Amino acid sequence: MIIREVKIDRERIAGAIIFISLFVILLSMIGIRLLDVKVSNIELIDRGLYTVITDNGPINVGSEDILRIERTYTKAAITGAPVELDRIYTTKGFIYITSLDPFYNIGHQIINSVDFDGKPVWIHSSNNQTSDSGMTQAKLMNDNLRAVQSFSYAIGTPSKLSSLVLSVISLQDLALAIGGMALMILIFPLRFETPLPVRPFIQEDPEYCSNEETLGAVAK
């Protein structure tokens, strides 16, 4: 019985890691999709108080609950019309609205109730300490982004499932990092080879060596 030895090299290991990472990312995307909670409407109850209607029921959101607002702009794939994408981080989860949603006007009122200047990134006033240093402002934005990561789940998500959603997101980020490193190793392999010792030119020429051996044999 002959057993063939399978050579396990770096390329095969990196390929296996990339495949596992893609599989984990796919499962995490499906899990996030299943755990996602849709927002169907936003209603104004009173000045500064809004009700967000979700699949799991209404959630009241006030101006004091808003922690961070992110505004981005893109274009629709078919019409090419500009589309505004807004993400509102609150103490009860984040709200994701676009200018194509029927409740966009009410959602935009939530943004305008705290952001009077229309900043691309708005931070809660208790943390929004103005400074002349651009590095200080950038550090403030990064610190605030890390602070709101614990609320990176859709508003209306049950408290029992919020930790599960964050775990799935962390697993997805970990799979992306590991898969990216394996892909870099696969594309740019680092091969460490021992350099051959430098030999004289006479010894490296096989034709010269063969002629010298022939002359030696004739002389004998």
N, C-alpha and C. Protein backbone atom coordinates (compact mmCIF):
# COMPACT_ATOMS: atom_id res chain seq x y z
N MET A 1 0.85 -1.18 0.00
CA MET A 1 0.00 0.00 0.00
C MET A 1 0.89 1.25 0.00
N ILE A 2 0.71 2.09 -0.98
CA ILE A 2 1.53 3.28 -1.13
C ILE A 2 0.74 4.49 -0.66
N ILE A 3 1.31 5.23 0.24
CA ILE A 3 0.69 6.44 0.76
C ILE A 3 1.45 7.63 0.21
N ARG A 4 0.78 8.44 -0.55
CA ARG A 4 1.41 9.62 -1.12
C ARG A 4 1.42 10.76 -0.10
N GLU A 5 2.56 11.36 0.06
CA GLU A 5 2.69 12.47 0.97
C GLU A 5 2.26 13.76 0.27
N VAL A 6 1.35 14.47 0.89
CA VAL A 6 0.87 15.73 0.34
C VAL A 6 1.75 16.86 0.87
N LYS A 7 2.34 17.59 -0.03
CA LYS A 7 3.22 18.69 0.35
C LYS A 7 2.38 19.91 0.72
N ILE A 8 2.50 20.33 1.96
CA ILE A 8 1.76 21.49 2.46
C ILE A 8 2.69 22.69 2.40
N ASP A 9 2.47 23.57 1.45
CA ASP A 9 3.30 24.74 1.30
C ASP A 9 2.53 25.98 1.74
N ARG A 10 3.19 27.10 1.65
CA ARG A 10 2.60 28.34 2.12
C ARG A 10 1.40 28.74 1.28
N GLU A 11 1.43 28.48 -0.04
CA GLU A 11 0.33 28.87 -0.91
C GLU A 11 -0.95 28.12 -0.55
N ARG A 12 -0.82 26.85 -0.25
CA ARG A 12 -2.01 26.07 0.11
C ARG A 12 -2.58 26.51 1.45
N ILE A 13 -1.71 26.80 2.39
CA ILE A 13 -2.19 27.26 3.69
C ILE A 13 -2.90 28.60 3.55
N ALA A 14 -2.29 29.54 2.80
CA ALA A 14 -2.91 30.85 2.60
C ALA A 14 -4.24 30.72 1.87
N GLY A 15 -4.30 29.83 0.86
CA GLY A 15 -5.56 29.62 0.15
C GLY A 15 -6.65 29.07 1.05
N ALA A 16 -6.28 28.13 1.93
CA ALA A 16 -7.26 27.57 2.87
C ALA A 16 -7.76 28.62 3.84
N ILE A 17 -6.86 29.49 4.33
CA ILE A 17 -7.26 30.55 5.25
C ILE A 17 -8.20 31.53 4.56
N ILE A 18 -7.90 31.88 3.30
CA ILE A 18 -8.77 32.80 2.56
C ILE A 18 -10.15 32.18 2.35
N PHE A 19 -10.19 30.90 2.02
CA PHE A 19 -11.48 30.22 1.83
C PHE A 19 -12.28 30.20 3.13
N ILE A 20 -11.65 29.90 4.25
CA ILE A 20 -12.34 29.88 5.54
C ILE A 20 -12.83 31.28 5.90
N SER A 21 -12.00 32.30 5.63
CA SER A 21 -12.39 33.67 5.94
C SER A 21 -13.60 34.09 5.11
N LEU A 22 -13.60 33.74 3.82
CA LEU A 22 -14.75 34.08 2.98
C LEU A 22 -16.02 33.37 3.46
N PHE A 23 -15.87 32.13 3.90
CA PHE A 23 -17.02 31.39 4.40
C PHE A 23 -17.57 32.03 5.68
N VAL A 24 -16.67 32.45 6.58
CA VAL A 24 -17.10 33.11 7.81
C VAL A 24 -17.77 34.44 7.51
N ILE A 25 -17.21 35.20 6.55
CA ILE A 25 -17.79 36.48 6.17
C ILE A 25 -19.19 36.28 5.59
N LEU A 26 -19.36 35.24 4.77
CA LEU A 26 -20.67 34.95 4.20
C LEU A 26 -21.68 34.60 5.28
N LEU A 27 -21.28 33.78 6.23
CA LEU A 27 -22.19 33.42 7.32
C LEU A 27 -22.53 34.64 8.17
N SER A 28 -21.54 35.51 8.43
CA SER A 28 -21.81 36.70 9.23
C SER A 28 -22.74 37.66 8.50
N MET A 29 -22.60 37.77 7.18
CA MET A 29 -23.51 38.62 6.42
C MET A 29 -24.94 38.10 6.48
N ILE A 30 -25.08 36.78 6.38
CA ILE A 30 -26.43 36.19 6.49
C ILE A 30 -26.99 36.41 7.88
N GLY A 31 -26.14 36.26 8.92
CA GLY A 31 -26.61 36.47 10.28
C GLY A 31 -27.04 37.90 10.54
N ILE A 32 -26.25 38.87 10.03
CA ILE A 32 -26.61 40.27 10.20
C ILE A 32 -27.90 40.58 9.45
N ARG A 33 -28.05 39.96 8.28
CA ARG A 33 -29.27 40.18 7.51
C ARG A 33 -30.50 39.66 8.25
N LEU A 34 -30.36 38.51 8.89
CA LEU A 34 -31.49 37.94 9.62
C LEU A 34 -31.79 38.72 10.90
N LEU A 35 -30.75 39.27 11.53
CA LEU A 35 -30.94 40.00 12.78
C LEU A 35 -31.27 41.47 12.57
N ASP A 36 -31.25 41.92 11.32
CA ASP A 36 -31.52 43.33 11.04
C ASP A 36 -32.98 43.67 11.32
N VAL A 37 -33.20 44.87 11.83
CA VAL A 37 -34.55 45.36 12.14
C VAL A 37 -34.83 46.54 11.22
N LYS A 38 -35.92 46.48 10.48
CA LYS A 38 -36.27 47.52 9.53
C LYS A 38 -37.05 48.65 10.19
N VAL A 39 -36.81 49.85 9.71
CA VAL A 39 -37.58 51.02 10.14
C VAL A 39 -38.64 51.31 9.08
N SER A 40 -39.89 51.32 9.50
CA SER A 40 -40.99 51.54 8.56
C SER A 40 -41.48 52.98 8.54
N ASN A 41 -41.31 53.70 9.64
CA ASN A 41 -41.80 55.08 9.68
C ASN A 41 -41.19 55.80 10.87
N ILE A 42 -41.18 57.13 10.79
CA ILE A 42 -40.74 57.99 11.89
C ILE A 42 -41.81 59.06 12.08
N GLU A 43 -42.26 59.23 13.31
CA GLU A 43 -43.32 60.18 13.61
C GLU A 43 -42.85 61.19 14.65
N LEU A 44 -43.34 62.41 14.51
CA LEU A 44 -43.04 63.47 15.47
C LEU A 44 -44.12 63.48 16.55
N ILE A 45 -43.72 63.27 17.80
CA ILE A 45 -44.65 63.28 18.91
C ILE A 45 -44.76 64.67 19.51
N ASP A 46 -43.63 65.21 19.84
CA ASP A 46 -43.57 66.53 20.46
C ASP A 46 -42.27 67.18 20.00
N ARG A 47 -42.09 68.41 20.36
CA ARG A 47 -40.87 69.12 19.99
C ARG A 47 -39.65 68.43 20.58
N GLY A 48 -38.77 67.91 19.72
CA GLY A 48 -37.57 67.22 20.16
C GLY A 48 -37.78 65.78 20.53
N LEU A 49 -38.98 65.23 20.38
CA LEU A 49 -39.27 63.84 20.70
C LEU A 49 -39.91 63.17 19.50
N TYR A 50 -39.32 62.05 19.07
CA TYR A 50 -39.78 61.34 17.88
C TYR A 50 -40.00 59.87 18.23
N THR A 51 -40.85 59.23 17.45
CA THR A 51 -41.10 57.80 17.59
C THR A 51 -40.67 57.10 16.30
N VAL A 52 -39.76 56.15 16.44
CA VAL A 52 -39.28 55.38 15.30
C VAL A 52 -40.04 54.06 15.28
N ILE A 53 -40.81 53.83 14.23
CA ILE A 53 -41.62 52.61 14.10
C ILE A 53 -40.75 51.54 13.44
N THR A 54 -40.50 50.46 14.16
CA THR A 54 -39.69 49.36 13.65
C THR A 54 -40.52 48.08 13.57
N ASP A 55 -39.90 47.04 13.06
CA ASP A 55 -40.58 45.74 12.99
C ASP A 55 -40.88 45.18 14.37
N ASN A 56 -40.12 45.60 15.37
CA ASN A 56 -40.32 45.10 16.73
C ASN A 56 -41.06 46.08 17.63
N GLY A 57 -41.66 47.11 17.01
CA GLY A 57 -42.44 48.05 17.80
C GLY A 57 -41.84 49.45 17.76
N PRO A 58 -42.55 50.41 18.38
CA PRO A 58 -42.07 51.81 18.38
C PRO A 58 -40.98 52.04 19.41
N ILE A 59 -40.06 52.94 19.05
CA ILE A 59 -38.98 53.34 19.95
C ILE A 59 -38.96 54.86 19.99
N ASN A 60 -39.01 55.43 21.19
CA ASN A 60 -38.96 56.88 21.34
C ASN A 60 -37.51 57.36 21.37
N VAL A 61 -37.26 58.39 20.58
CA VAL A 61 -35.91 58.96 20.48
C VAL A 61 -36.01 60.46 20.68
N GLY A 62 -35.21 60.97 21.60
CA GLY A 62 -35.14 62.41 21.84
C GLY A 62 -33.81 62.97 21.41
N SER A 63 -33.70 64.29 21.43
CA SER A 63 -32.46 64.94 21.01
C SER A 63 -31.30 64.56 21.92
N GLU A 64 -31.58 64.32 23.19
CA GLU A 64 -30.52 63.96 24.11
C GLU A 64 -29.99 62.55 23.90
N ASP A 65 -30.73 61.72 23.14
CA ASP A 65 -30.30 60.36 22.86
C ASP A 65 -29.33 60.26 21.70
N ILE A 66 -29.20 61.31 20.90
CA ILE A 66 -28.36 61.28 19.69
C ILE A 66 -26.91 61.48 20.10
N LEU A 67 -26.03 60.56 19.64
CA LEU A 67 -24.62 60.60 19.97
C LEU A 67 -23.74 61.01 18.80
N ARG A 68 -24.12 60.63 17.60
CA ARG A 68 -23.28 60.89 16.42
C ARG A 68 -24.15 60.83 15.18
N ILE A 69 -23.84 61.68 14.20
CA ILE A 69 -24.54 61.72 12.92
C ILE A 69 -23.51 61.70 11.80
N GLU A 70 -23.69 60.81 10.85
CA GLU A 70 -22.79 60.71 9.70
C GLU A 70 -23.60 60.93 8.43
N ARG A 71 -23.13 61.85 7.59
CA ARG A 71 -23.78 62.15 6.32
C ARG A 71 -22.84 61.81 5.18
N THR A 72 -23.34 61.05 4.22
CA THR A 72 -22.59 60.75 3.01
C THR A 72 -23.51 60.96 1.81
N TYR A 73 -22.90 61.17 0.67
CA TYR A 73 -23.66 61.43 -0.55
C TYR A 73 -23.17 60.50 -1.65
N THR A 74 -24.11 59.97 -2.40
CA THR A 74 -23.80 59.10 -3.52
C THR A 74 -24.80 59.39 -4.63
N LYS A 75 -24.76 58.59 -5.69
CA LYS A 75 -25.68 58.75 -6.81
C LYS A 75 -26.40 57.44 -7.08
N ALA A 76 -27.67 57.56 -7.44
CA ALA A 76 -28.45 56.37 -7.76
C ALA A 76 -27.88 55.68 -8.98
N ALA A 77 -27.94 54.35 -8.98
CA ALA A 77 -27.31 53.59 -10.05
C ALA A 77 -28.01 53.79 -11.39
N ILE A 78 -29.32 53.99 -11.40
CA ILE A 78 -30.07 54.06 -12.66
C ILE A 78 -30.22 55.51 -13.11
N THR A 79 -30.76 56.36 -12.25
CA THR A 79 -31.04 57.73 -12.64
C THR A 79 -29.83 58.65 -12.51
N GLY A 80 -28.89 58.30 -11.65
CA GLY A 80 -27.75 59.17 -11.42
C GLY A 80 -28.05 60.36 -10.54
N ALA A 81 -29.24 60.40 -9.93
CA ALA A 81 -29.61 61.50 -9.06
C ALA A 81 -28.85 61.39 -7.74
N PRO A 82 -28.47 62.51 -7.12
CA PRO A 82 -27.76 62.46 -5.84
C PRO A 82 -28.65 61.91 -4.73
N VAL A 83 -28.09 61.05 -3.92
CA VAL A 83 -28.80 60.42 -2.82
C VAL A 83 -28.02 60.66 -1.54
N GLU A 84 -28.71 61.13 -0.52
CA GLU A 84 -28.07 61.37 0.77
C GLU A 84 -28.29 60.17 1.67
N LEU A 85 -27.21 59.70 2.27
CA LEU A 85 -27.25 58.57 3.19
C LEU A 85 -26.87 59.08 4.57
N ASP A 86 -27.76 58.90 5.53
CA ASP A 86 -27.54 59.40 6.88
C ASP A 86 -27.60 58.24 7.87
N ARG A 87 -26.66 58.24 8.79
CA ARG A 87 -26.68 57.26 9.89
C ARG A 87 -26.65 58.03 11.20
N ILE A 88 -27.65 57.77 12.03
CA ILE A 88 -27.80 58.46 13.30
C ILE A 88 -27.55 57.45 14.42
N TYR A 89 -26.48 57.64 15.17
CA TYR A 89 -26.18 56.79 16.32
C TYR A 89 -26.90 57.35 17.54
N THR A 90 -27.67 56.51 18.20
CA THR A 90 -28.37 56.90 19.42
C THR A 90 -28.05 55.89 20.52
N THR A 91 -28.49 56.22 21.72
CA THR A 91 -28.29 55.30 22.84
C THR A 91 -29.17 54.06 22.74
N LYS A 92 -30.05 54.00 21.75
CA LYS A 92 -30.94 52.85 21.55
C LYS A 92 -30.68 52.15 20.24
N GLY A 93 -29.51 52.38 19.65
CA GLY A 93 -29.16 51.80 18.35
C GLY A 93 -29.06 52.90 17.30
N PHE A 94 -28.66 52.52 16.10
CA PHE A 94 -28.52 53.53 15.06
C PHE A 94 -29.71 53.49 14.10
N ILE A 95 -29.97 54.63 13.48
CA ILE A 95 -31.04 54.78 12.50
C ILE A 95 -30.39 55.09 11.16
N TYR A 96 -30.72 54.30 10.15
CA TYR A 96 -30.15 54.48 8.81
C TYR A 96 -31.26 54.93 7.87
N ILE A 97 -31.10 56.14 7.32
CA ILE A 97 -32.13 56.68 6.43
C ILE A 97 -31.45 57.19 5.17
N THR A 98 -32.20 57.19 4.07
CA THR A 98 -31.74 57.74 2.81
C THR A 98 -32.78 58.73 2.30
N SER A 99 -32.38 59.54 1.35
CA SER A 99 -33.30 60.52 0.79
C SER A 99 -34.38 59.89 -0.06
N LEU A 100 -34.30 58.57 -0.30
CA LEU A 100 -35.33 57.86 -1.05
C LEU A 100 -36.42 57.27 -0.16
N ASP A 101 -36.20 57.30 1.16
CA ASP A 101 -37.20 56.76 2.09
C ASP A 101 -38.39 57.70 2.20
N PRO A 102 -39.59 57.16 2.37
CA PRO A 102 -40.78 58.04 2.50
C PRO A 102 -40.77 58.86 3.78
N PHE A 103 -40.04 58.41 4.80
CA PHE A 103 -39.99 59.12 6.08
C PHE A 103 -38.71 59.95 6.19
N TYR A 104 -38.10 60.27 5.05
CA TYR A 104 -36.82 60.98 5.10
C TYR A 104 -36.97 62.38 5.70
N ASN A 105 -38.07 63.08 5.36
CA ASN A 105 -38.24 64.45 5.86
C ASN A 105 -38.30 64.50 7.38
N ILE A 106 -39.02 63.54 7.98
CA ILE A 106 -39.09 63.50 9.44
C ILE A 106 -37.74 63.11 10.02
N GLY A 107 -37.07 62.14 9.37
CA GLY A 107 -35.74 61.76 9.83
C GLY A 107 -34.75 62.90 9.73
N HIS A 108 -34.91 63.72 8.68
CA HIS A 108 -34.02 64.88 8.54
C HIS A 108 -34.31 65.92 9.62
N GLN A 109 -35.53 65.97 10.10
CA GLN A 109 -35.84 66.86 11.20
C GLN A 109 -35.10 66.45 12.47
N ILE A 110 -34.95 65.15 12.67
CA ILE A 110 -34.17 64.67 13.83
C ILE A 110 -32.74 65.18 13.74
N ILE A 111 -32.17 65.12 12.54
CA ILE A 111 -30.80 65.59 12.35
C ILE A 111 -30.71 67.09 12.58
N ASN A 112 -31.64 67.83 12.00
CA ASN A 112 -31.60 69.29 12.13
C ASN A 112 -31.88 69.78 13.55
N SER A 113 -32.50 68.91 14.36
CA SER A 113 -32.79 69.34 15.73
C SER A 113 -31.53 69.47 16.58
N VAL A 114 -30.43 68.84 16.15
CA VAL A 114 -29.17 68.93 16.90
C VAL A 114 -28.04 69.49 16.04
N ASP A 115 -28.06 69.20 14.75
CA ASP A 115 -27.00 69.66 13.84
C ASP A 115 -27.52 70.86 13.07
N PHE A 116 -27.12 72.03 13.49
CA PHE A 116 -27.61 73.25 12.85
C PHE A 116 -26.73 73.69 11.67
N ASP A 117 -25.51 73.14 11.58
CA ASP A 117 -24.57 73.57 10.54
C ASP A 117 -24.49 72.61 9.37
N GLY A 118 -25.12 71.44 9.46
CA GLY A 118 -25.06 70.46 8.38
C GLY A 118 -23.67 69.86 8.20
N LYS A 119 -23.03 69.49 9.30
CA LYS A 119 -21.68 68.92 9.23
C LYS A 119 -21.72 67.50 8.67
N PRO A 120 -20.68 67.09 7.95
CA PRO A 120 -20.63 65.69 7.48
C PRO A 120 -20.63 64.70 8.64
N VAL A 121 -19.94 65.05 9.73
CA VAL A 121 -19.94 64.23 10.94
C VAL A 121 -20.24 65.13 12.13
N TRP A 122 -21.31 64.83 12.82
CA TRP A 122 -21.71 65.60 13.99
C TRP A 122 -21.50 64.75 15.23
N ILE A 123 -20.99 65.37 16.29
CA ILE A 123 -20.73 64.68 17.55
C ILE A 123 -21.52 65.36 18.65
N HIS A 124 -21.95 64.60 19.63
CA HIS A 124 -22.75 65.12 20.73
C HIS A 124 -22.06 66.32 21.37
N SER A 125 -22.85 67.30 21.77
CA SER A 125 -22.30 68.56 22.26
C SER A 125 -21.44 68.38 23.49
N SER A 126 -21.70 67.36 24.32
CA SER A 126 -20.89 67.15 25.52
C SER A 126 -19.48 66.74 25.18
N ASN A 127 -19.29 66.14 23.97
CA ASN A 127 -17.96 65.72 23.52
C ASN A 127 -17.42 66.61 22.42
N ASN A 128 -18.26 67.51 21.91
CA ASN A 128 -17.86 68.34 20.77
C ASN A 128 -17.15 69.59 21.28
N GLN A 129 -15.90 69.42 21.65
CA GLN A 129 -15.09 70.52 22.13
C GLN A 129 -14.30 71.08 20.96
N THR A 130 -14.63 72.29 20.57
CA THR A 130 -13.97 72.89 19.43
C THR A 130 -12.52 73.20 19.75
N SER A 131 -11.67 72.99 18.76
CA SER A 131 -10.24 73.25 18.92
C SER A 131 -9.67 73.71 17.60
N ASP A 132 -8.63 74.53 17.68
CA ASP A 132 -7.99 75.02 16.47
C ASP A 132 -7.11 73.96 15.83
N SER A 133 -6.76 72.94 16.55
CA SER A 133 -5.88 71.91 16.02
C SER A 133 -6.68 70.89 15.25
N GLY A 134 -6.28 70.64 13.99
CA GLY A 134 -6.98 69.64 13.19
C GLY A 134 -6.76 68.24 13.72
N MET A 135 -5.57 67.97 14.28
CA MET A 135 -5.30 66.65 14.84
C MET A 135 -6.18 66.39 16.05
N THR A 136 -6.42 67.42 16.84
CA THR A 136 -7.29 67.25 18.01
C THR A 136 -8.72 66.93 17.59
N GLN A 137 -9.21 67.59 16.55
CA GLN A 137 -10.55 67.31 16.05
C GLN A 137 -10.64 65.91 15.47
N ALA A 138 -9.60 65.48 14.75
CA ALA A 138 -9.60 64.13 14.20
C ALA A 138 -9.57 63.09 15.32
N LYS A 139 -8.79 63.35 16.36
CA LYS A 139 -8.75 62.42 17.49
C LYS A 139 -10.10 62.39 18.20
N LEU A 140 -10.75 63.54 18.29
CA LEU A 140 -12.08 63.58 18.91
C LEU A 140 -13.09 62.75 18.12
N MET A 141 -13.02 62.82 16.79
CA MET A 141 -13.93 62.04 15.95
C MET A 141 -13.67 60.56 16.10
N ASN A 142 -12.39 60.16 16.15
CA ASN A 142 -12.06 58.75 16.30
C ASN A 142 -12.47 58.22 17.67
N ASP A 143 -12.26 59.04 18.70
CA ASP A 143 -12.66 58.62 20.04
C ASP A 143 -14.18 58.47 20.12
N ASN A 144 -14.90 59.39 19.49
CA ASN A 144 -16.36 59.31 19.51
C ASN A 144 -16.85 58.09 18.73
N LEU A 145 -16.17 57.79 17.61
CA LEU A 145 -16.57 56.63 16.82
C LEU A 145 -16.36 55.34 17.61
N ARG A 146 -15.27 55.26 18.36
CA ARG A 146 -15.07 54.07 19.19
C ARG A 146 -16.09 54.01 20.32
N ALA A 147 -16.51 55.17 20.80
CA ALA A 147 -17.49 55.19 21.90
C ALA A 147 -18.86 54.71 21.45
N VAL A 148 -19.23 54.97 20.20
CA VAL A 148 -20.56 54.58 19.72
C VAL A 148 -20.56 53.18 19.10
N GLN A 149 -19.42 52.51 19.08
CA GLN A 149 -19.39 51.16 18.52
C GLN A 149 -20.27 50.19 19.30
N SER A 150 -20.44 50.46 20.60
CA SER A 150 -21.30 49.59 21.40
C SER A 150 -22.78 49.75 21.05
N PHE A 151 -23.10 50.76 20.21
CA PHE A 151 -24.50 50.96 19.75
C PHE A 151 -24.61 50.71 18.25
N SER A 152 -23.70 49.91 17.69
CA SER A 152 -23.70 49.64 16.25
C SER A 152 -24.66 48.51 15.90
N TYR A 153 -25.88 48.64 16.30
CA TYR A 153 -26.94 47.71 15.92
C TYR A 153 -28.19 48.52 15.59
N ALA A 154 -29.05 47.96 14.76
CA ALA A 154 -30.23 48.68 14.31
C ALA A 154 -31.16 48.96 15.48
N ILE A 155 -31.73 50.15 15.47
CA ILE A 155 -32.66 50.52 16.53
C ILE A 155 -33.87 49.58 16.50
N GLY A 156 -34.31 49.18 17.66
CA GLY A 156 -35.39 48.20 17.77
C GLY A 156 -34.90 46.79 18.00
N THR A 157 -33.57 46.58 17.96
CA THR A 157 -33.03 45.24 18.23
C THR A 157 -33.19 44.91 19.71
N PRO A 158 -33.73 43.75 20.04
CA PRO A 158 -33.87 43.39 21.46
C PRO A 158 -32.53 43.40 22.17
N SER A 159 -32.55 43.76 23.45
CA SER A 159 -31.30 43.84 24.22
C SER A 159 -30.60 42.49 24.30
N LYS A 160 -31.35 41.40 24.24
CA LYS A 160 -30.74 40.08 24.30
C LYS A 160 -29.97 39.77 23.02
N LEU A 161 -30.39 40.37 21.91
CA LEU A 161 -29.74 40.09 20.63
C LEU A 161 -28.68 41.13 20.26
N SER A 162 -28.65 42.24 20.97
CA SER A 162 -27.68 43.28 20.64
C SER A 162 -26.24 42.79 20.80
N SER A 163 -25.98 42.04 21.88
CA SER A 163 -24.63 41.49 22.08
C SER A 163 -24.29 40.48 20.99
N LEU A 164 -25.29 39.72 20.53
CA LEU A 164 -25.05 38.76 19.45
C LEU A 164 -24.72 39.48 18.15
N VAL A 165 -25.41 40.57 17.87
CA VAL A 165 -25.12 41.35 16.65
C VAL A 165 -23.71 41.90 16.70
N LEU A 166 -23.30 42.45 17.83
CA LEU A 166 -21.95 42.99 17.96
C LEU A 166 -20.90 41.89 17.83
N SER A 167 -21.20 40.68 18.34
CA SER A 167 -20.26 39.57 18.21
C SER A 167 -20.11 39.15 16.75
N VAL A 168 -21.22 39.13 16.02
CA VAL A 168 -21.16 38.76 14.60
C VAL A 168 -20.37 39.80 13.83
N ILE A 169 -20.55 41.08 14.14
CA ILE A 169 -19.80 42.14 13.46
C ILE A 169 -18.31 42.02 13.77
N SER A 170 -17.97 41.75 15.03
CA SER A 170 -16.56 41.58 15.39
C SER A 170 -15.96 40.38 14.69
N LEU A 171 -16.72 39.29 14.58
CA LEU A 171 -16.24 38.10 13.88
C LEU A 171 -16.01 38.40 12.40
N GLN A 172 -16.88 39.20 11.82
CA GLN A 172 -16.70 39.57 10.42
C GLN A 172 -15.45 40.41 10.23
N ASP A 173 -15.21 41.36 11.12
CA ASP A 173 -14.00 42.18 11.02
C ASP A 173 -12.74 41.33 11.19
N LEU A 174 -12.78 40.38 12.12
CA LEU A 174 -11.64 39.50 12.33
C LEU A 174 -11.36 38.64 11.10
N ALA A 175 -12.42 38.11 10.48
CA ALA A 175 -12.25 37.30 9.27
C ALA A 175 -11.70 38.14 8.13
N LEU A 176 -12.14 39.38 8.01
CA LEU A 176 -11.61 40.27 6.98
C LEU A 176 -10.13 40.54 7.20
N ALA A 177 -9.74 40.76 8.45
CA ALA A 177 -8.33 41.05 8.74
C ALA A 177 -7.45 39.83 8.45
N ILE A 178 -7.86 38.65 8.92
CA ILE A 178 -7.06 37.44 8.70
C ILE A 178 -7.01 37.09 7.23
N GLY A 179 -8.17 37.15 6.55
CA GLY A 179 -8.19 36.85 5.12
C GLY A 179 -7.35 37.84 4.31
N GLY A 180 -7.37 39.11 4.69
CA GLY A 180 -6.55 40.09 3.98
C GLY A 180 -5.07 39.84 4.15
N MET A 181 -4.65 39.46 5.36
CA MET A 181 -3.23 39.14 5.58
C MET A 181 -2.83 37.91 4.79
N ALA A 182 -3.69 36.89 4.76
CA ALA A 182 -3.37 35.69 3.98
C ALA A 182 -3.30 36.00 2.49
N LEU A 183 -4.16 36.90 2.01
CA LEU A 183 -4.13 37.28 0.61
C LEU A 183 -2.84 38.03 0.27
N MET A 184 -2.38 38.88 1.17
CA MET A 184 -1.12 39.59 0.95
C MET A 184 0.05 38.61 0.88
N ILE A 185 0.05 37.62 1.76
CA ILE A 185 1.12 36.61 1.73
C ILE A 185 1.06 35.80 0.45
N LEU A 186 -0.16 35.52 -0.03
CA LEU A 186 -0.31 34.74 -1.25
C LEU A 186 0.13 35.51 -2.48
N ILE A 187 -0.17 36.81 -2.51
CA ILE A 187 0.20 37.63 -3.67
C ILE A 187 1.68 37.99 -3.65
N PHE A 188 2.19 38.33 -2.48
CA PHE A 188 3.59 38.72 -2.35
C PHE A 188 4.31 37.73 -1.44
N PRO A 189 4.64 36.53 -1.95
CA PRO A 189 5.31 35.54 -1.10
C PRO A 189 6.73 35.97 -0.78
N LEU A 190 7.13 35.72 0.44
CA LEU A 190 8.49 36.02 0.88
C LEU A 190 9.27 34.72 0.91
N ARG A 191 10.20 34.60 0.02
CA ARG A 191 11.00 33.38 -0.07
C ARG A 191 12.41 33.67 0.43
N PHE A 192 12.81 32.93 1.43
CA PHE A 192 14.14 33.09 1.99
C PHE A 192 14.99 31.92 1.50
N GLU A 193 15.90 32.20 0.61
CA GLU A 193 16.77 31.17 0.05
C GLU A 193 18.21 31.46 0.45
N THR A 194 18.95 30.41 0.74
CA THR A 194 20.37 30.55 1.10
C THR A 194 21.18 30.79 -0.16
N PRO A 195 21.91 31.90 -0.24
CA PRO A 195 22.68 32.15 -1.47
C PRO A 195 23.78 31.12 -1.65
N LEU A 196 23.98 30.75 -2.91
CA LEU A 196 25.01 29.77 -3.23
C LEU A 196 26.38 30.40 -3.08
N PRO A 197 27.36 29.64 -2.64
CA PRO A 197 28.72 30.19 -2.52
C PRO A 197 29.29 30.55 -3.90
N VAL A 198 30.07 31.61 -3.90
CA VAL A 198 30.65 32.09 -5.14
C VAL A 198 31.80 31.16 -5.54
N ARG A 199 31.73 30.64 -6.76
CA ARG A 199 32.75 29.74 -7.26
C ARG A 199 33.56 30.43 -8.35
N PRO A 200 34.78 30.01 -8.54
CA PRO A 200 35.56 30.59 -9.64
C PRO A 200 34.92 30.31 -10.98
N PHE A 201 35.22 31.14 -11.94
CA PHE A 201 34.61 31.01 -13.26
C PHE A 201 35.01 29.71 -13.94
N ILE A 202 36.20 29.21 -13.64
CA ILE A 202 36.68 27.99 -14.30
C ILE A 202 35.85 26.80 -13.84
N GLN A 203 35.53 26.77 -12.53
CA GLN A 203 34.76 25.64 -12.02
C GLN A 203 33.31 25.67 -12.46
N GLU A 204 32.78 26.87 -12.80
CA GLU A 204 31.39 26.97 -13.18
C GLU A 204 31.17 26.66 -14.65
N ASP A 205 32.23 26.60 -15.45
CA ASP A 205 32.08 26.33 -16.88
C ASP A 205 32.18 24.84 -17.11
N PRO A 206 31.06 24.17 -17.40
CA PRO A 206 31.13 22.70 -17.56
C PRO A 206 31.95 22.30 -18.78
N GLU A 207 31.94 23.12 -19.83
CA GLU A 207 32.68 22.77 -21.04
C GLU A 207 34.19 22.81 -20.77
N TYR A 208 34.61 23.81 -20.00
CA TYR A 208 36.02 23.93 -19.67
C TYR A 208 36.45 22.77 -18.79
N CYS A 209 35.61 22.39 -17.86
CA CYS A 209 35.93 21.29 -16.96
C CYS A 209 36.06 19.98 -17.73
N SER A 210 35.14 19.74 -18.66
CA SER A 210 35.18 18.51 -19.43
C SER A 210 36.43 18.43 -20.29
N ASN A 211 36.84 19.56 -20.89
CA ASN A 211 38.06 19.56 -21.70
C ASN A 211 39.29 19.30 -20.86
N GLU A 212 39.32 19.89 -19.65
CA GLU A 212 40.47 19.67 -18.77
C GLU A 212 40.56 18.22 -18.34
N GLU A 213 39.39 17.59 -18.06
CA GLU A 213 39.42 16.18 -17.67
C GLU A 213 39.88 15.30 -18.83
N THR A 214 39.48 15.65 -20.05
CA THR A 214 39.88 14.86 -21.22
C THR A 214 41.39 14.93 -21.44
N LEU A 215 41.96 16.14 -21.30
CA LEU A 215 43.40 16.29 -21.48
C LEU A 215 44.16 15.53 -20.40
N GLY A 216 43.64 15.52 -19.17
CA GLY A 216 44.29 14.77 -18.11
C GLY A 216 44.28 13.28 -18.38
N ALA A 217 43.14 12.77 -18.94
CA ALA A 217 43.06 11.35 -19.24
C ALA A 217 44.02 10.96 -20.37
N VAL A 218 44.19 11.83 -21.37
CA VAL A 218 45.10 11.54 -22.49
C VAL A 218 46.54 11.54 -22.01
N ALA A 219 46.85 12.49 -21.07
CA ALA A 219 48.22 12.57 -20.57
C ALA A 219 48.61 11.34 -19.80
N LYS A 220 47.68 10.75 -19.10
CA LYS A 220 47.97 9.52 -18.37
C LYS A 220 48.16 8.34 -19.31
